[in-house]
Every structure is written in structure tokens, then in C-alpha cells.
């Protein structure tokens, strides 16, 4: 194998791929890996914030159903966690921690009237903004496409 890649009588196509092309493949791979290191954090940020926003929206959506299953199943969603932490009423505490289901309707009303849904919407919007900011960083000069992506997801 000739590391200098000079032609010899016994040079073959296989040797060409083994030496010349592999060097190019390794070089492009190294460039890609370096670029990925820079972009990796932004891709991670997009995934994180986009997922958080969608989960919060799912939590909020569940609360608007006729019988909010997250409340009925005592799930630790953000609206429920915030209600328990902010509203230290006996009704809320008995429902979630003593599983006293006679308070179900009152707890649902407390959640919807306490302001936590508005807070959760705010957090969700902030997360979406952070996610899209990561896309802006990854794809500069693509504001129009990113806005079209946002609009598509909203609607």
C-alpha cells in the first residue's frame, strides 16, 4: 500500500478506493463531525424545547375535555403540579394526596380558575420561541421557511 498514492504498475481499482477515496471519506467525515459538534447543541435545544412545549399543550388540552383524564388519574402534569404548589387548599390536597374523588369537580374548577393554565401557555410559548430560535441559528436566512413551519404546526 502506497501512502503517498503514487501510481505503480500493480495499482488496482480496489487500491484506489482503499487509499484515495477513503482519505476523502475520512476528511469529509471529520468536517461533518466538527460541524455537528457546533450544531449539536442547537439541535438538542430544538428537540428539548419543542418537546416541552408540545407536552405542556397536551396537558392543557386534556384539561378542556369533558372529564380531564389527567386529573382523574392523578397525573403530575405541569398544570396539576402548579395547582398543587400554588393553591394549598384542603380540597386540592385531599383530592391528590388522599385520593378523595368527591372533590374531582371542585379541583377541575380550581385548576381552570387559578391562572395556572395561562401560566402554562406562557411557558409553552416561551419554549416554542426557544426552539425556533435554535432553528434560526441552524438555518440562517430561513426566517420565512421557519415561519411557514410555525404556521403549519399551529394550524
C-alpha atoms as a PDB file:
ATOM      1  CA  UNK A   1       0.000   0.000   0.000  1.00  0.00           C
ATOM      2  CA  UNK A   2       1.437   3.342  -1.062  1.00  0.00           C
ATOM      3  CA  UNK A   3       0.602   6.067   1.448  1.00  0.00           C
ATOM      4  CA  UNK A   4       1.827   8.748  -0.947  1.00  0.00           C
ATOM      5  CA  UNK A   5      -0.655   7.429  -3.506  1.00  0.00           C
ATOM      6  CA  UNK A   6       1.771   7.340  -6.419  1.00  0.00           C
ATOM      7  CA  UNK A   7       0.909   5.163  -9.393  1.00  0.00           C
ATOM      8  CA  UNK A   8       2.559   1.767  -9.658  1.00  0.00           C
ATOM      9  CA  UNK A   9       2.250  -0.981 -12.260  1.00  0.00           C
ATOM     10  CA  UNK A  10       0.299  -3.115  -9.824  1.00  0.00           C
ATOM     11  CA  UNK A  11      -2.134  -0.308  -8.826  1.00  0.00           C
ATOM     12  CA  UNK A  12      -5.739  -1.507  -8.874  1.00  0.00           C
ATOM     13  CA  UNK A  13      -9.185  -0.027  -8.687  1.00  0.00           C
ATOM     14  CA  UNK A  14      -9.634  -1.604  -5.264  1.00  0.00           C
ATOM     15  CA  UNK A  15      -6.445   0.066  -4.067  1.00  0.00           C
ATOM     16  CA  UNK A  16      -7.719   3.386  -5.420  1.00  0.00           C
ATOM     17  CA  UNK A  17     -10.875   3.055  -3.307  1.00  0.00           C
ATOM     18  CA  UNK A  18      -8.879   1.863  -0.346  1.00  0.00           C
ATOM     19  CA  UNK A  19      -6.435   4.763  -0.364  1.00  0.00           C
ATOM     20  CA  UNK A  20      -7.659   7.794  -2.316  1.00  0.00           C
ATOM     21  CA  UNK A  21     -11.377   7.602  -1.763  1.00  0.00           C
ATOM     22  CA  UNK A  22     -11.058   6.576   1.878  1.00  0.00           C
ATOM     23  CA  UNK A  23      -8.890   9.621   2.550  1.00  0.00           C
ATOM     24  CA  UNK A  24     -11.623  11.801   1.069  1.00  0.00           C
ATOM     25  CA  UNK A  25     -14.307   9.977   3.030  1.00  0.00           C
ATOM     26  CA  UNK A  26     -12.370  10.440   6.269  1.00  0.00           C
ATOM     27  CA  UNK A  27     -11.773  14.118   5.518  1.00  0.00           C
ATOM     28  CA  UNK A  28     -15.453  14.793   4.779  1.00  0.00           C
ATOM     29  CA  UNK A  29     -16.415  12.765   7.841  1.00  0.00           C
ATOM     30  CA  UNK A  30     -14.058  14.840  10.010  1.00  0.00           C
ATOM     31  CA  UNK A  31     -15.547  18.066   8.637  1.00  0.00           C
ATOM     32  CA  UNK A  32     -19.053  16.741   9.250  1.00  0.00           C
ATOM     33  CA  UNK A  33     -18.189  15.737  12.803  1.00  0.00           C
ATOM     34  CA  UNK A  34     -16.743  19.184  13.538  1.00  0.00           C
ATOM     35  CA  UNK A  35     -19.823  20.883  12.086  1.00  0.00           C
ATOM     36  CA  UNK A  36     -22.048  18.522  14.068  1.00  0.00           C
ATOM     37  CA  UNK A  37     -20.287  19.454  17.311  1.00  0.00           C
ATOM     38  CA  UNK A  38     -21.226  23.068  16.694  1.00  0.00           C
ATOM     39  CA  UNK A  39     -24.802  22.300  15.634  1.00  0.00           C
ATOM     40  CA  UNK A  40     -25.375  19.506  18.149  1.00  0.00           C
ATOM     41  CA  UNK A  41     -26.291  21.855  20.993  1.00  0.00           C
ATOM     42  CA  UNK A  42     -28.788  23.756  18.850  1.00  0.00           C
ATOM     43  CA  UNK A  43     -30.386  20.518  17.622  1.00  0.00           C
ATOM     44  CA  UNK A  44     -30.583  19.366  21.222  1.00  0.00           C
ATOM     45  CA  UNK A  45     -32.121  22.697  22.269  1.00  0.00           C
ATOM     46  CA  UNK A  46     -34.698  22.499  19.489  1.00  0.00           C
ATOM     47  CA  UNK A  47     -35.671  18.955  20.471  1.00  0.00           C
ATOM     48  CA  UNK A  48     -35.855  19.802  24.152  1.00  0.00           C
ATOM     49  CA  UNK A  49     -37.887  22.998  23.924  1.00  0.00           C
ATOM     50  CA  UNK A  50     -40.157  21.780  21.127  1.00  0.00           C
ATOM     51  CA  UNK A  51     -40.965  18.633  23.108  1.00  0.00           C
ATOM     52  CA  UNK A  52     -41.621  20.562  26.315  1.00  0.00           C
ATOM     53  CA  UNK A  53     -43.969  22.972  24.530  1.00  0.00           C
ATOM     54  CA  UNK A  54     -45.894  20.138  22.911  1.00  0.00           C
ATOM     55  CA  UNK A  55     -46.208  18.227  26.176  1.00  0.00           C
ATOM     56  CA  UNK A  56     -47.497  21.297  28.000  1.00  0.00           C
ATOM     57  CA  UNK A  57     -50.022  21.911  25.216  1.00  0.00           C
ATOM     58  CA  UNK A  58     -51.139  18.300  25.532  1.00  0.00           C
ATOM     59  CA  UNK A  59     -51.558  18.797  29.291  1.00  0.00           C
ATOM     60  CA  UNK A  60     -53.627  21.952  28.731  1.00  0.00           C
ATOM     61  CA  UNK A  61     -55.717  20.272  26.048  1.00  0.00           C
ATOM     62  CA  UNK A  62     -56.558  17.428  28.407  1.00  0.00           C
ATOM     63  CA  UNK A  63     -57.993  19.903  30.910  1.00  0.00           C
ATOM     64  CA  UNK A  64     -60.517  21.171  28.366  1.00  0.00           C
ATOM     65  CA  UNK A  65     -62.064  17.736  27.834  1.00  0.00           C
ATOM     66  CA  UNK A  66     -65.406  16.854  29.447  1.00  0.00           C
ATOM     67  CA  UNK A  67     -63.671  14.636  32.006  1.00  0.00           C
ATOM     68  CA  UNK A  68     -59.989  15.586  32.274  1.00  0.00           C
ATOM     69  CA  UNK A  69     -58.323  12.172  32.460  1.00  0.00           C
ATOM     70  CA  UNK A  70     -55.053  13.619  33.767  1.00  0.00           C
ATOM     71  CA  UNK A  71     -56.883  14.922  36.834  1.00  0.00           C
ATOM     72  CA  UNK A  72     -58.894  11.712  37.187  1.00  0.00           C
ATOM     73  CA  UNK A  73     -55.683   9.664  37.024  1.00  0.00           C
ATOM     74  CA  UNK A  74     -53.774  11.967  39.409  1.00  0.00           C
ATOM     75  CA  UNK A  75     -51.075  12.640  36.793  1.00  0.00           C
ATOM     76  CA  UNK A  76     -48.236  15.021  37.543  1.00  0.00           C
ATOM     77  CA  UNK A  77     -48.782  17.367  34.599  1.00  0.00           C
ATOM     78  CA  UNK A  78     -47.491  20.928  34.759  1.00  0.00           C
ATOM     79  CA  UNK A  79     -50.949  22.454  35.351  1.00  0.00           C
ATOM     80  CA  UNK A  80     -51.609  19.974  38.155  1.00  0.00           C
ATOM     81  CA  UNK A  81     -48.171  20.403  39.737  1.00  0.00           C
ATOM     82  CA  UNK A  82     -48.562  24.183  39.617  1.00  0.00           C
ATOM     83  CA  UNK A  83     -52.049  23.968  41.142  1.00  0.00           C
ATOM     84  CA  UNK A  84     -50.840  21.769  43.987  1.00  0.00           C
ATOM     85  CA  UNK A  85     -47.851  24.058  44.627  1.00  0.00           C
ATOM     86  CA  UNK A  86     -49.715  27.361  44.349  1.00  0.00           C
ATOM     87  CA  UNK A  87     -53.135  26.502  45.753  1.00  0.00           C
ATOM     88  CA  UNK A  88     -52.645  24.897  49.133  1.00  0.00           C
ATOM     89  CA  UNK A  89     -56.360  24.304  49.672  1.00  0.00           C
ATOM     90  CA  UNK A  90     -57.618  21.291  51.578  1.00  0.00           C
ATOM     91  CA  UNK A  91     -59.767  20.343  48.598  1.00  0.00           C
ATOM     92  CA  UNK A  92     -56.796  20.112  46.232  1.00  0.00           C
ATOM     93  CA  UNK A  93     -54.567  18.376  48.755  1.00  0.00           C
ATOM     94  CA  UNK A  94     -57.217  15.841  49.794  1.00  0.00           C
ATOM     95  CA  UNK A  95     -58.050  15.045  46.189  1.00  0.00           C
ATOM     96  CA  UNK A  96     -54.482  14.422  45.022  1.00  0.00           C
ATOM     97  CA  UNK A  97     -52.865  13.013  48.146  1.00  0.00           C
ATOM     98  CA  UNK A  98     -55.720  11.235  49.876  1.00  0.00           C
ATOM     99  CA  UNK A  99     -57.380  10.284  46.582  1.00  0.00           C
ATOM    100  CA  UNK A 100     -60.691  11.703  47.778  1.00  0.00           C
ATOM    101  CA  UNK A 101     -62.520  11.695  44.443  1.00  0.00           C
ATOM    102  CA  UNK A 102     -65.545  13.531  45.825  1.00  0.00           C
ATOM    103  CA  UNK A 103     -63.526  16.710  45.169  1.00  0.00           C
ATOM    104  CA  UNK A 104     -62.974  15.970  41.456  1.00  0.00           C
ATOM    105  CA  UNK A 105     -65.308  18.675  40.093  1.00  0.00           C
ATOM    106  CA  UNK A 106     -64.058  21.293  42.555  1.00  0.00           C
ATOM    107  CA  UNK A 107     -60.428  20.501  41.747  1.00  0.00           C
ATOM    108  CA  UNK A 108     -61.069  20.782  37.990  1.00  0.00           C
ATOM    109  CA  UNK A 109     -62.712  24.165  38.583  1.00  0.00           C
ATOM    110  CA  UNK A 110     -59.820  25.288  40.801  1.00  0.00           C
ATOM    111  CA  UNK A 111     -57.296  24.354  38.114  1.00  0.00           C
ATOM    112  CA  UNK A 112     -59.137  26.235  35.370  1.00  0.00           C
ATOM    113  CA  UNK A 113     -59.762  29.333  37.508  1.00  0.00           C
ATOM    114  CA  UNK A 114     -56.387  29.549  39.274  1.00  0.00           C
ATOM    115  CA  UNK A 115     -54.375  31.075  36.437  1.00  0.00           C
ATOM    116  CA  UNK A 116     -52.098  28.064  36.042  1.00  0.00           C
ATOM    117  CA  UNK A 117     -53.382  27.348  32.531  1.00  0.00           C
ATOM    118  CA  UNK A 118     -52.386  30.855  31.455  1.00  0.00           C
ATOM    119  CA  UNK A 119     -49.006  30.349  33.088  1.00  0.00           C
ATOM    120  CA  UNK A 120     -48.588  27.028  31.272  1.00  0.00           C
ATOM    121  CA  UNK A 121     -49.491  28.669  27.944  1.00  0.00           C
ATOM    122  CA  UNK A 122     -46.848  31.306  28.631  1.00  0.00           C
ATOM    123  CA  UNK A 123     -44.220  28.634  29.374  1.00  0.00           C
ATOM    124  CA  UNK A 124     -45.235  26.707  26.261  1.00  0.00           C
ATOM    125  CA  UNK A 125     -44.907  29.806  24.068  1.00  0.00           C
ATOM    126  CA  UNK A 126     -41.515  30.600  25.575  1.00  0.00           C
ATOM    127  CA  UNK A 127     -40.362  27.053  24.824  1.00  0.00           C
ATOM    128  CA  UNK A 128     -41.604  27.297  21.235  1.00  0.00           C
ATOM    129  CA  UNK A 129     -39.717  30.590  20.859  1.00  0.00           C
ATOM    130  CA  UNK A 130     -36.520  28.991  22.162  1.00  0.00           C
ATOM    131  CA  UNK A 131     -36.992  26.022  19.827  1.00  0.00           C
ATOM    132  CA  UNK A 132     -37.484  28.264  16.801  1.00  0.00           C
ATOM    133  CA  UNK A 133     -34.516  30.401  17.843  1.00  0.00           C
ATOM    134  CA  UNK A 134     -32.407  27.234  17.617  1.00  0.00           C
ATOM    135  CA  UNK A 135     -33.737  26.679  14.098  1.00  0.00           C
ATOM    136  CA  UNK A 136     -32.824  30.269  13.229  1.00  0.00           C
ATOM    137  CA  UNK A 137     -29.278  29.561  14.379  1.00  0.00           C
ATOM    138  CA  UNK A 138     -29.060  26.292  12.448  1.00  0.00           C
ATOM    139  CA  UNK A 139     -30.603  27.708   9.285  1.00  0.00           C
ATOM    140  CA  UNK A 140     -29.684  31.385   8.995  1.00  0.00           C
ATOM    141  CA  UNK A 141     -31.631  33.409   6.419  1.00  0.00           C
ATOM    142  CA  UNK A 142     -34.514  30.935   6.599  1.00  0.00           C
ATOM    143  CA  UNK A 143     -36.928  33.072   8.584  1.00  0.00           C
ATOM    144  CA  UNK A 144     -39.700  32.698   6.001  1.00  0.00           C
ATOM    145  CA  UNK A 145     -39.455  28.905   5.956  1.00  0.00           C
ATOM    146  CA  UNK A 146     -39.305  28.723   9.750  1.00  0.00           C
ATOM    147  CA  UNK A 147     -42.365  30.991   9.992  1.00  0.00           C
ATOM    148  CA  UNK A 148     -44.178  28.737   7.498  1.00  0.00           C
ATOM    149  CA  UNK A 149     -43.215  25.744   9.669  1.00  0.00           C
ATOM    150  CA  UNK A 150     -44.601  27.512  12.766  1.00  0.00           C
ATOM    151  CA  UNK A 151     -47.840  28.354  10.964  1.00  0.00           C
ATOM    152  CA  UNK A 152     -48.193  24.800   9.705  1.00  0.00           C
ATOM    153  CA  UNK A 153     -47.841  23.411  13.223  1.00  0.00           C
ATOM    154  CA  UNK A 154     -50.330  25.883  14.668  1.00  0.00           C
ATOM    155  CA  UNK A 155     -52.892  25.036  12.296  1.00  0.00           C
END
